[in-house]
All heavy atoms as atom14 arrays in JSON, in Angstrom:
{
  "sequence": "RVLGPRAAVPVMFVDIAKGWLPVWLFPRLDGEGAWAWALAYGAAALLG",
  "atom14_mask": [
    [1, 1, 1, 1, 1, 1, 1, 1, 1, 1, 1, 0, 0, 0],
    [1, 1, 1, 1, 1, 1, 1, 0, 0, 0, 0, 0, 0, 0],
    [1, 1, 1, 1, 1, 1, 1, 1, 0, 0, 0, 0, 0, 0],
    [1, 1, 1, 1, 0, 0, 0, 0, 0, 0, 0, 0, 0, 0],
    [1, 1, 1, 1, 1, 1, 1, 0, 0, 0, 0, 0, 0, 0],
    [1, 1, 1, 1, 1, 1, 1, 1, 1, 1, 1, 0, 0, 0],
    [1, 1, 1, 1, 1, 0, 0, 0, 0, 0, 0, 0, 0, 0],
    [1, 1, 1, 1, 1, 0, 0, 0, 0, 0, 0, 0, 0, 0],
    [1, 1, 1, 1, 1, 1, 1, 0, 0, 0, 0, 0, 0, 0],
    [1, 1, 1, 1, 1, 1, 1, 0, 0, 0, 0, 0, 0, 0],
    [1, 1, 1, 1, 1, 1, 1, 0, 0, 0, 0, 0, 0, 0],
    [1, 1, 1, 1, 1, 1, 1, 1, 0, 0, 0, 0, 0, 0],
    [1, 1, 1, 1, 1, 1, 1, 1, 1, 1, 1, 0, 0, 0],
    [1, 1, 1, 1, 1, 1, 1, 0, 0, 0, 0, 0, 0, 0],
    [1, 1, 1, 1, 1, 1, 1, 1, 0, 0, 0, 0, 0, 0],
    [1, 1, 1, 1, 1, 1, 1, 1, 0, 0, 0, 0, 0, 0],
    [1, 1, 1, 1, 1, 0, 0, 0, 0, 0, 0, 0, 0, 0],
    [1, 1, 1, 1, 1, 1, 1, 1, 1, 0, 0, 0, 0, 0],
    [1, 1, 1, 1, 0, 0, 0, 0, 0, 0, 0, 0, 0, 0],
    [1, 1, 1, 1, 1, 1, 1, 1, 1, 1, 1, 1, 1, 1],
    [1, 1, 1, 1, 1, 1, 1, 1, 0, 0, 0, 0, 0, 0],
    [1, 1, 1, 1, 1, 1, 1, 0, 0, 0, 0, 0, 0, 0],
    [1, 1, 1, 1, 1, 1, 1, 0, 0, 0, 0, 0, 0, 0],
    [1, 1, 1, 1, 1, 1, 1, 1, 1, 1, 1, 1, 1, 1],
    [1, 1, 1, 1, 1, 1, 1, 1, 0, 0, 0, 0, 0, 0],
    [1, 1, 1, 1, 1, 1, 1, 1, 1, 1, 1, 0, 0, 0],
    [1, 1, 1, 1, 1, 1, 1, 0, 0, 0, 0, 0, 0, 0],
    [1, 1, 1, 1, 1, 1, 1, 1, 1, 1, 1, 0, 0, 0],
    [1, 1, 1, 1, 1, 1, 1, 1, 0, 0, 0, 0, 0, 0],
    [1, 1, 1, 1, 1, 1, 1, 1, 0, 0, 0, 0, 0, 0],
    [1, 1, 1, 1, 0, 0, 0, 0, 0, 0, 0, 0, 0, 0],
    [1, 1, 1, 1, 1, 1, 1, 1, 1, 0, 0, 0, 0, 0],
    [1, 1, 1, 1, 0, 0, 0, 0, 0, 0, 0, 0, 0, 0],
    [1, 1, 1, 1, 1, 0, 0, 0, 0, 0, 0, 0, 0, 0],
    [1, 1, 1, 1, 1, 1, 1, 1, 1, 1, 1, 1, 1, 1],
    [1, 1, 1, 1, 1, 0, 0, 0, 0, 0, 0, 0, 0, 0],
    [1, 1, 1, 1, 1, 1, 1, 1, 1, 1, 1, 1, 1, 1],
    [1, 1, 1, 1, 1, 0, 0, 0, 0, 0, 0, 0, 0, 0],
    [1, 1, 1, 1, 1, 1, 1, 1, 0, 0, 0, 0, 0, 0],
    [1, 1, 1, 1, 1, 0, 0, 0, 0, 0, 0, 0, 0, 0],
    [1, 1, 1, 1, 1, 1, 1, 1, 1, 1, 1, 1, 0, 0],
    [1, 1, 1, 1, 0, 0, 0, 0, 0, 0, 0, 0, 0, 0],
    [1, 1, 1, 1, 1, 0, 0, 0, 0, 0, 0, 0, 0, 0],
    [1, 1, 1, 1, 1, 0, 0, 0, 0, 0, 0, 0, 0, 0],
    [1, 1, 1, 1, 1, 0, 0, 0, 0, 0, 0, 0, 0, 0],
    [1, 1, 1, 1, 1, 1, 1, 1, 0, 0, 0, 0, 0, 0],
    [1, 1, 1, 1, 1, 1, 1, 1, 0, 0, 0, 0, 0, 0],
    [1, 1, 1, 1, 0, 0, 0, 0, 0, 0, 0, 0, 0, 0]
  ],
  "atom14_positions": [
    [[161.87, 199.39, 250.98], [162.12, 200.81, 251.03], [161.81, 201.48, 249.67], [161.24, 202.57, 249.64], [163.6, 201.04, 251.4], [163.99, 202.53, 251.5], [165.44, 202.66, 251.86], [165.71, 202.2, 253.23], [166.48, 201.18, 253.54], [167.09, 200.49, 252.59], [166.64, 200.84, 254.82], [0.0, 0.0, 0.0], [0.0, 0.0, 0.0], [0.0, 0.0, 0.0]],
    [[162.16, 200.83, 248.59], [162.02, 201.46, 247.27], [160.77, 201.07, 246.56], [160.09, 201.89, 245.94], [163.28, 201.08, 246.4], [163.11, 201.65, 245.01], [164.53, 201.58, 247.03], [0.0, 0.0, 0.0], [0.0, 0.0, 0.0], [0.0, 0.0, 0.0], [0.0, 0.0, 0.0], [0.0, 0.0, 0.0], [0.0, 0.0, 0.0], [0.0, 0.0, 0.0]],
    [[160.4, 199.76, 246.67], [159.27, 199.27, 245.84], [157.99, 199.08, 246.63], [156.91, 199.0, 246.06], [159.64, 197.93, 245.21], [160.92, 197.91, 244.36], [161.22, 196.49, 243.86], [160.82, 198.88, 243.19], [0.0, 0.0, 0.0], [0.0, 0.0, 0.0], [0.0, 0.0, 0.0], [0.0, 0.0, 0.0], [0.0, 0.0, 0.0], [0.0, 0.0, 0.0]],
    [[158.09, 198.95, 247.95], [156.89, 198.78, 248.81], [156.65, 197.32, 249.15], [157.33, 196.41, 248.63], [0.0, 0.0, 0.0], [0.0, 0.0, 0.0], [0.0, 0.0, 0.0], [0.0, 0.0, 0.0], [0.0, 0.0, 0.0], [0.0, 0.0, 0.0], [0.0, 0.0, 0.0], [0.0, 0.0, 0.0], [0.0, 0.0, 0.0], [0.0, 0.0, 0.0]],
    [[155.71, 197.08, 250.05], [155.47, 195.73, 250.56], [154.99, 194.74, 249.54], [155.26, 193.56, 249.65], [154.42, 195.95, 251.67], [153.81, 197.29, 251.33], [154.86, 198.11, 250.71], [0.0, 0.0, 0.0], [0.0, 0.0, 0.0], [0.0, 0.0, 0.0], [0.0, 0.0, 0.0], [0.0, 0.0, 0.0], [0.0, 0.0, 0.0], [0.0, 0.0, 0.0]],
    [[154.29, 195.17, 248.51], [153.78, 194.22, 247.5], [154.94, 193.57, 246.77], [154.79, 192.39, 246.3], [152.87, 194.93, 246.51], [151.54, 195.43, 247.16], [150.7, 196.14, 246.14], [150.3, 195.26, 245.03], [149.55, 195.69, 244.03], [149.16, 196.95, 243.92], [149.21, 194.85, 243.05], [0.0, 0.0, 0.0], [0.0, 0.0, 0.0], [0.0, 0.0, 0.0]],
    [[156.06, 194.24, 246.67], [157.23, 193.64, 246.05], [158.09, 192.94, 247.09], [158.65, 191.88, 246.86], [158.05, 194.71, 245.33], [0.0, 0.0, 0.0], [0.0, 0.0, 0.0], [0.0, 0.0, 0.0], [0.0, 0.0, 0.0], [0.0, 0.0, 0.0], [0.0, 0.0, 0.0], [0.0, 0.0, 0.0], [0.0, 0.0, 0.0], [0.0, 0.0, 0.0]],
    [[158.23, 193.56, 248.29], [159.15, 193.05, 249.3], [158.75, 191.72, 249.89], [159.59, 190.88, 250.22], [159.31, 194.11, 250.4], [0.0, 0.0, 0.0], [0.0, 0.0, 0.0], [0.0, 0.0, 0.0], [0.0, 0.0, 0.0], [0.0, 0.0, 0.0], [0.0, 0.0, 0.0], [0.0, 0.0, 0.0], [0.0, 0.0, 0.0], [0.0, 0.0, 0.0]],
    [[157.42, 191.51, 250.09], [156.98, 190.27, 250.72], [157.32, 189.04, 249.88], [157.91, 188.1, 250.37], [155.47, 190.34, 251.05], [154.95, 188.95, 251.53], [155.23, 191.38, 252.17], [0.0, 0.0, 0.0], [0.0, 0.0, 0.0], [0.0, 0.0, 0.0], [0.0, 0.0, 0.0], [0.0, 0.0, 0.0], [0.0, 0.0, 0.0], [0.0, 0.0, 0.0]],
    [[156.98, 189.01, 248.6], [157.41, 187.82, 247.83], [158.9, 187.67, 247.7], [159.45, 186.54, 247.7], [156.76, 188.04, 246.43], [156.32, 189.47, 246.43], [156.1, 189.89, 247.79], [0.0, 0.0, 0.0], [0.0, 0.0, 0.0], [0.0, 0.0, 0.0], [0.0, 0.0, 0.0], [0.0, 0.0, 0.0], [0.0, 0.0, 0.0], [0.0, 0.0, 0.0]],
    [[159.65, 188.82, 247.62], [161.09, 188.75, 247.59], [161.64, 188.05, 248.86], [162.49, 187.17, 248.81], [161.7, 190.17, 247.46], [163.19, 190.14, 247.77], [161.5, 190.67, 246.03], [0.0, 0.0, 0.0], [0.0, 0.0, 0.0], [0.0, 0.0, 0.0], [0.0, 0.0, 0.0], [0.0, 0.0, 0.0], [0.0, 0.0, 0.0], [0.0, 0.0, 0.0]],
    [[161.05, 188.46, 250.0], [161.53, 187.9, 251.25], [161.27, 186.36, 251.33], [162.17, 185.62, 251.7], [160.8, 188.56, 252.45], [161.18, 188.01, 253.79], [160.21, 188.73, 255.14], [158.59, 188.06, 254.78], [0.0, 0.0, 0.0], [0.0, 0.0, 0.0], [0.0, 0.0, 0.0], [0.0, 0.0, 0.0], [0.0, 0.0, 0.0], [0.0, 0.0, 0.0]],
    [[160.1, 185.92, 250.89], [159.78, 184.51, 250.94], [160.64, 183.7, 249.98], [161.05, 182.56, 250.33], [158.29, 184.28, 250.71], [157.44, 184.53, 251.91], [156.6, 185.59, 251.98], [157.51, 183.66, 253.0], [155.81, 185.84, 253.13], [156.73, 183.88, 254.15], [155.92, 184.98, 254.21], [0.0, 0.0, 0.0], [0.0, 0.0, 0.0], [0.0, 0.0, 0.0]],
    [[160.93, 184.24, 248.81], [161.76, 183.53, 247.89], [163.18, 183.43, 248.44], [163.86, 182.38, 248.36], [161.78, 184.18, 246.52], [162.81, 183.56, 245.6], [160.39, 184.05, 245.85], [0.0, 0.0, 0.0], [0.0, 0.0, 0.0], [0.0, 0.0, 0.0], [0.0, 0.0, 0.0], [0.0, 0.0, 0.0], [0.0, 0.0, 0.0], [0.0, 0.0, 0.0]],
    [[163.66, 184.53, 249.04], [165.01, 184.52, 249.6], [165.11, 183.56, 250.77], [166.17, 182.91, 250.97], [165.41, 185.94, 250.02], [165.76, 186.84, 248.88], [165.88, 186.3, 247.71], [165.97, 188.03, 249.07], [0.0, 0.0, 0.0], [0.0, 0.0, 0.0], [0.0, 0.0, 0.0], [0.0, 0.0, 0.0], [0.0, 0.0, 0.0], [0.0, 0.0, 0.0]],
    [[164.09, 183.42, 251.59], [164.06, 182.43, 252.65], [164.12, 181.01, 252.03], [164.9, 180.17, 252.48], [162.8, 182.58, 253.5], [162.9, 183.86, 254.39], [162.61, 181.35, 254.43], [161.64, 184.17, 255.15], [0.0, 0.0, 0.0], [0.0, 0.0, 0.0], [0.0, 0.0, 0.0], [0.0, 0.0, 0.0], [0.0, 0.0, 0.0], [0.0, 0.0, 0.0]],
    [[163.34, 180.81, 251.01], [163.31, 179.47, 250.34], [164.65, 179.11, 249.76], [165.08, 177.93, 249.76], [162.23, 179.46, 249.27], [0.0, 0.0, 0.0], [0.0, 0.0, 0.0], [0.0, 0.0, 0.0], [0.0, 0.0, 0.0], [0.0, 0.0, 0.0], [0.0, 0.0, 0.0], [0.0, 0.0, 0.0], [0.0, 0.0, 0.0], [0.0, 0.0, 0.0]],
    [[165.43, 180.11, 249.29], [166.73, 179.86, 248.71], [167.68, 179.26, 249.73], [168.6, 178.51, 249.38], [167.35, 181.16, 248.16], [166.64, 181.69, 246.93], [167.25, 182.93, 246.33], [168.1, 183.77, 247.19], [168.49, 185.07, 246.56], [0.0, 0.0, 0.0], [0.0, 0.0, 0.0], [0.0, 0.0, 0.0], [0.0, 0.0, 0.0], [0.0, 0.0, 0.0]],
    [[167.52, 179.62, 251.01], [168.31, 179.02, 252.04], [167.79, 177.7, 252.56], [168.52, 176.76, 252.84], [0.0, 0.0, 0.0], [0.0, 0.0, 0.0], [0.0, 0.0, 0.0], [0.0, 0.0, 0.0], [0.0, 0.0, 0.0], [0.0, 0.0, 0.0], [0.0, 0.0, 0.0], [0.0, 0.0, 0.0], [0.0, 0.0, 0.0], [0.0, 0.0, 0.0]],
    [[166.45, 177.62, 252.66], [165.82, 176.44, 253.24], [165.92, 175.22, 252.3], [166.24, 174.11, 252.77], [164.35, 176.7, 253.55], [163.58, 175.49, 253.97], [163.58, 174.95, 255.21], [162.76, 174.67, 253.15], [162.78, 173.83, 255.24], [162.26, 173.66, 253.96], [162.38, 174.73, 251.78], [161.4, 172.66, 253.45], [161.54, 173.76, 251.31], [161.06, 172.75, 252.14]],
    [[165.64, 175.42, 251.05], [165.53, 174.24, 250.13], [166.85, 173.41, 250.03], [166.78, 172.2, 250.16], [165.13, 174.76, 248.74], [164.82, 173.62, 247.73], [163.66, 172.76, 248.2], [164.49, 174.21, 246.35], [0.0, 0.0, 0.0], [0.0, 0.0, 0.0], [0.0, 0.0, 0.0], [0.0, 0.0, 0.0], [0.0, 0.0, 0.0], [0.0, 0.0, 0.0]],
    [[168.0, 174.03, 249.8], [169.22, 173.2, 249.71], [169.51, 172.46, 250.99], [169.94, 171.29, 250.95], [170.34, 174.24, 249.41], [169.63, 175.41, 248.86], [168.31, 175.45, 249.56], [0.0, 0.0, 0.0], [0.0, 0.0, 0.0], [0.0, 0.0, 0.0], [0.0, 0.0, 0.0], [0.0, 0.0, 0.0], [0.0, 0.0, 0.0], [0.0, 0.0, 0.0]],
    [[169.29, 173.08, 252.14], [169.59, 172.44, 253.45], [168.64, 171.3, 253.7], [169.05, 170.25, 254.21], [169.57, 173.47, 254.56], [169.79, 172.81, 255.91], [170.62, 174.56, 254.33], [0.0, 0.0, 0.0], [0.0, 0.0, 0.0], [0.0, 0.0, 0.0], [0.0, 0.0, 0.0], [0.0, 0.0, 0.0], [0.0, 0.0, 0.0], [0.0, 0.0, 0.0]],
    [[167.4, 171.45, 253.37], [166.39, 170.44, 253.65], [166.41, 169.3, 252.58], [166.34, 168.13, 252.91], [165.0, 171.05, 253.68], [163.93, 170.08, 253.96], [163.53, 169.56, 255.18], [163.12, 169.38, 252.95], [162.52, 168.65, 255.02], [162.24, 168.52, 253.69], [163.0, 169.46, 251.6], [161.31, 167.71, 253.04], [162.1, 168.66, 250.94], [161.23, 167.8, 251.67]],
    [[166.54, 169.69, 251.32], [166.35, 168.71, 250.22], [167.67, 168.02, 249.79], [167.69, 166.81, 249.6], [165.71, 169.41, 249.03], [165.53, 168.54, 247.74], [164.57, 167.42, 248.04], [165.05, 169.42, 246.58], [0.0, 0.0, 0.0], [0.0, 0.0, 0.0], [0.0, 0.0, 0.0], [0.0, 0.0, 0.0], [0.0, 0.0, 0.0], [0.0, 0.0, 0.0]],
    [[168.72, 168.79, 249.66], [169.93, 168.2, 249.05], [170.55, 167.04, 249.82], [171.05, 166.1, 249.19], [170.95, 169.29, 248.81], [170.59, 170.25, 247.69], [169.38, 170.15, 247.03], [171.46, 171.24, 247.27], [169.03, 171.03, 246.01], [171.14, 172.1, 246.26], [169.91, 172.04, 245.65], [0.0, 0.0, 0.0], [0.0, 0.0, 0.0], [0.0, 0.0, 0.0]],
    [[170.55, 167.08, 251.17], [171.02, 165.86, 251.9], [170.24, 164.61, 251.59], [170.72, 163.49, 251.77], [170.93, 166.31, 253.35], [171.0, 167.77, 253.35], [170.22, 168.17, 252.12], [0.0, 0.0, 0.0], [0.0, 0.0, 0.0], [0.0, 0.0, 0.0], [0.0, 0.0, 0.0], [0.0, 0.0, 0.0], [0.0, 0.0, 0.0], [0.0, 0.0, 0.0]],
    [[169.01, 164.76, 251.14], [168.21, 163.62, 250.79], [168.5, 163.11, 249.41], [168.04, 162.04, 249.0], [166.72, 163.99, 250.88], [166.26, 164.24, 252.34], [164.88, 164.93, 252.35], [164.27, 164.92, 253.67], [164.65, 165.75, 254.68], [165.62, 166.66, 254.46], [164.05, 165.69, 255.86], [0.0, 0.0, 0.0], [0.0, 0.0, 0.0], [0.0, 0.0, 0.0]],
    [[169.28, 163.89, 248.62], [169.59, 163.54, 247.23], [171.05, 163.14, 247.01], [171.35, 162.54, 246.01], [169.27, 164.71, 246.32], [167.8, 165.23, 246.34], [167.7, 166.45, 245.41], [166.82, 164.17, 245.92], [0.0, 0.0, 0.0], [0.0, 0.0, 0.0], [0.0, 0.0, 0.0], [0.0, 0.0, 0.0], [0.0, 0.0, 0.0], [0.0, 0.0, 0.0]],
    [[171.95, 163.49, 247.94], [173.35, 163.39, 247.66], [173.93, 161.99, 247.86], [175.1, 161.72, 247.47], [174.17, 164.41, 248.47], [174.03, 164.24, 249.98], [173.58, 163.15, 250.42], [174.41, 165.15, 250.73], [0.0, 0.0, 0.0], [0.0, 0.0, 0.0], [0.0, 0.0, 0.0], [0.0, 0.0, 0.0], [0.0, 0.0, 0.0], [0.0, 0.0, 0.0]],
    [[173.14, 161.07, 248.45], [173.63, 159.73, 248.63], [174.64, 159.56, 249.76], [175.15, 158.47, 249.94], [0.0, 0.0, 0.0], [0.0, 0.0, 0.0], [0.0, 0.0, 0.0], [0.0, 0.0, 0.0], [0.0, 0.0, 0.0], [0.0, 0.0, 0.0], [0.0, 0.0, 0.0], [0.0, 0.0, 0.0], [0.0, 0.0, 0.0], [0.0, 0.0, 0.0]],
    [[174.94, 160.61, 250.48], [175.91, 160.6, 251.55], [175.22, 160.39, 252.91], [175.72, 159.64, 253.75], [176.77, 161.88, 251.55], [177.61, 162.08, 250.3], [178.73, 161.08, 250.25], [179.26, 160.7, 251.3], [179.14, 160.73, 249.12], [0.0, 0.0, 0.0], [0.0, 0.0, 0.0], [0.0, 0.0, 0.0], [0.0, 0.0, 0.0], [0.0, 0.0, 0.0]],
    [[174.17, 161.16, 253.13], [173.46, 161.09, 254.39], [174.22, 161.75, 255.53], [173.85, 161.64, 256.7], [0.0, 0.0, 0.0], [0.0, 0.0, 0.0], [0.0, 0.0, 0.0], [0.0, 0.0, 0.0], [0.0, 0.0, 0.0], [0.0, 0.0, 0.0], [0.0, 0.0, 0.0], [0.0, 0.0, 0.0], [0.0, 0.0, 0.0], [0.0, 0.0, 0.0]],
    [[175.28, 162.49, 255.21], [176.08, 163.15, 256.23], [175.51, 164.54, 256.46], [175.4, 165.33, 255.52], [177.52, 163.24, 255.77], [0.0, 0.0, 0.0], [0.0, 0.0, 0.0], [0.0, 0.0, 0.0], [0.0, 0.0, 0.0], [0.0, 0.0, 0.0], [0.0, 0.0, 0.0], [0.0, 0.0, 0.0], [0.0, 0.0, 0.0], [0.0, 0.0, 0.0]],
    [[175.1, 164.83, 257.72], [174.49, 166.08, 258.01], [175.4, 167.29, 257.79], [174.97, 168.39, 257.57], [173.91, 166.1, 259.43], [174.99, 166.02, 260.47], [175.49, 164.92, 261.06], [175.66, 167.14, 261.09], [176.43, 165.23, 261.99], [176.56, 166.58, 262.0], [175.56, 168.49, 260.96], [177.42, 167.39, 262.81], [176.4, 169.3, 261.69], [177.31, 168.76, 262.61]],
    [[176.74, 167.03, 257.81], [177.66, 168.11, 257.59], [177.52, 168.73, 256.2], [177.79, 169.93, 256.0], [179.12, 167.63, 257.79], [0.0, 0.0, 0.0], [0.0, 0.0, 0.0], [0.0, 0.0, 0.0], [0.0, 0.0, 0.0], [0.0, 0.0, 0.0], [0.0, 0.0, 0.0], [0.0, 0.0, 0.0], [0.0, 0.0, 0.0], [0.0, 0.0, 0.0]],
    [[177.1, 167.91, 255.23], [176.88, 168.44, 253.89], [175.69, 169.46, 253.92], [175.71, 170.4, 253.12], [176.6, 167.33, 252.9], [177.84, 166.7, 252.37], [178.32, 165.45, 252.67], [178.76, 167.3, 251.47], [179.5, 165.25, 251.97], [179.81, 166.37, 251.27], [178.83, 168.53, 250.83], [180.87, 166.63, 250.39], [179.92, 168.8, 249.99], [180.91, 167.84, 249.8]],
    [[174.77, 169.28, 254.78], [173.66, 170.25, 254.89], [174.2, 171.62, 255.24], [173.75, 172.65, 254.72], [172.62, 169.81, 255.9], [0.0, 0.0, 0.0], [0.0, 0.0, 0.0], [0.0, 0.0, 0.0], [0.0, 0.0, 0.0], [0.0, 0.0, 0.0], [0.0, 0.0, 0.0], [0.0, 0.0, 0.0], [0.0, 0.0, 0.0], [0.0, 0.0, 0.0]],
    [[175.19, 171.65, 256.14], [175.82, 172.93, 256.49], [176.52, 173.54, 255.31], [176.47, 174.77, 255.07], [176.82, 172.72, 257.66], [176.31, 172.01, 258.92], [177.41, 172.0, 259.98], [175.08, 172.72, 259.47], [0.0, 0.0, 0.0], [0.0, 0.0, 0.0], [0.0, 0.0, 0.0], [0.0, 0.0, 0.0], [0.0, 0.0, 0.0], [0.0, 0.0, 0.0]],
    [[177.22, 172.67, 254.55], [177.92, 173.17, 253.4], [176.96, 173.71, 252.33], [177.2, 174.8, 251.74], [178.76, 172.05, 252.78], [0.0, 0.0, 0.0], [0.0, 0.0, 0.0], [0.0, 0.0, 0.0], [0.0, 0.0, 0.0], [0.0, 0.0, 0.0], [0.0, 0.0, 0.0], [0.0, 0.0, 0.0], [0.0, 0.0, 0.0], [0.0, 0.0, 0.0]],
    [[175.83, 173.06, 252.13], [174.82, 173.57, 251.17], [174.27, 174.93, 251.65], [174.07, 175.82, 250.81], [173.7, 172.55, 251.04], [174.09, 171.19, 250.53], [173.52, 170.03, 251.04], [175.07, 171.05, 249.52], [173.91, 168.79, 250.59], [175.44, 169.79, 249.08], [174.87, 168.66, 249.6], [175.26, 167.42, 249.15], [0.0, 0.0, 0.0], [0.0, 0.0, 0.0]],
    [[174.02, 175.02, 252.94], [173.53, 176.3, 253.45], [174.57, 177.43, 253.25], [174.2, 178.53, 252.85], [0.0, 0.0, 0.0], [0.0, 0.0, 0.0], [0.0, 0.0, 0.0], [0.0, 0.0, 0.0], [0.0, 0.0, 0.0], [0.0, 0.0, 0.0], [0.0, 0.0, 0.0], [0.0, 0.0, 0.0], [0.0, 0.0, 0.0], [0.0, 0.0, 0.0]],
    [[175.82, 177.15, 253.52], [176.86, 178.15, 253.38], [176.98, 178.56, 251.92], [177.16, 179.76, 251.6], [178.18, 177.62, 253.89], [0.0, 0.0, 0.0], [0.0, 0.0, 0.0], [0.0, 0.0, 0.0], [0.0, 0.0, 0.0], [0.0, 0.0, 0.0], [0.0, 0.0, 0.0], [0.0, 0.0, 0.0], [0.0, 0.0, 0.0], [0.0, 0.0, 0.0]],
    [[176.86, 177.59, 251.0], [176.97, 177.89, 249.59], [175.8, 178.78, 249.14], [175.98, 179.72, 248.36], [177.0, 176.63, 248.77], [0.0, 0.0, 0.0], [0.0, 0.0, 0.0], [0.0, 0.0, 0.0], [0.0, 0.0, 0.0], [0.0, 0.0, 0.0], [0.0, 0.0, 0.0], [0.0, 0.0, 0.0], [0.0, 0.0, 0.0], [0.0, 0.0, 0.0]],
    [[174.61, 178.49, 249.63], [173.43, 179.29, 249.26], [173.59, 180.71, 249.79], [173.25, 181.7, 249.09], [172.17, 178.63, 249.83], [0.0, 0.0, 0.0], [0.0, 0.0, 0.0], [0.0, 0.0, 0.0], [0.0, 0.0, 0.0], [0.0, 0.0, 0.0], [0.0, 0.0, 0.0], [0.0, 0.0, 0.0], [0.0, 0.0, 0.0], [0.0, 0.0, 0.0]],
    [[174.08, 180.87, 250.99], [174.3, 182.21, 251.57], [175.33, 183.01, 250.78], [175.14, 184.2, 250.49], [174.71, 182.09, 253.03], [174.88, 183.42, 253.77], [173.6, 184.21, 253.77], [175.38, 183.2, 255.2], [0.0, 0.0, 0.0], [0.0, 0.0, 0.0], [0.0, 0.0, 0.0], [0.0, 0.0, 0.0], [0.0, 0.0, 0.0], [0.0, 0.0, 0.0]],
    [[176.43, 182.35, 250.43], [177.44, 183.01, 249.6], [176.84, 183.45, 248.26], [177.16, 184.53, 247.74], [178.64, 182.1, 249.39], [179.56, 181.91, 250.6], [180.6, 180.85, 250.29], [180.26, 183.24, 250.89], [0.0, 0.0, 0.0], [0.0, 0.0, 0.0], [0.0, 0.0, 0.0], [0.0, 0.0, 0.0], [0.0, 0.0, 0.0], [0.0, 0.0, 0.0]],
    [[176.0, 182.6, 247.68], [175.37, 182.93, 246.43], [174.49, 184.15, 246.59], [174.48, 185.02, 245.68], [0.0, 0.0, 0.0], [0.0, 0.0, 0.0], [0.0, 0.0, 0.0], [0.0, 0.0, 0.0], [0.0, 0.0, 0.0], [0.0, 0.0, 0.0], [0.0, 0.0, 0.0], [0.0, 0.0, 0.0], [0.0, 0.0, 0.0], [0.0, 0.0, 0.0]]
  ]
}
């Protein structure tokens, strides 16, 4: 609305990545393998 599509499109993709990356990557790093942690990572990213 304020800056135009040249600013909004990269903002949108980065904001999508902020949610996708913790859910996809962190369960592979935490040593737990429990899929419930993926939900927790997603919730934390959204709150952030």
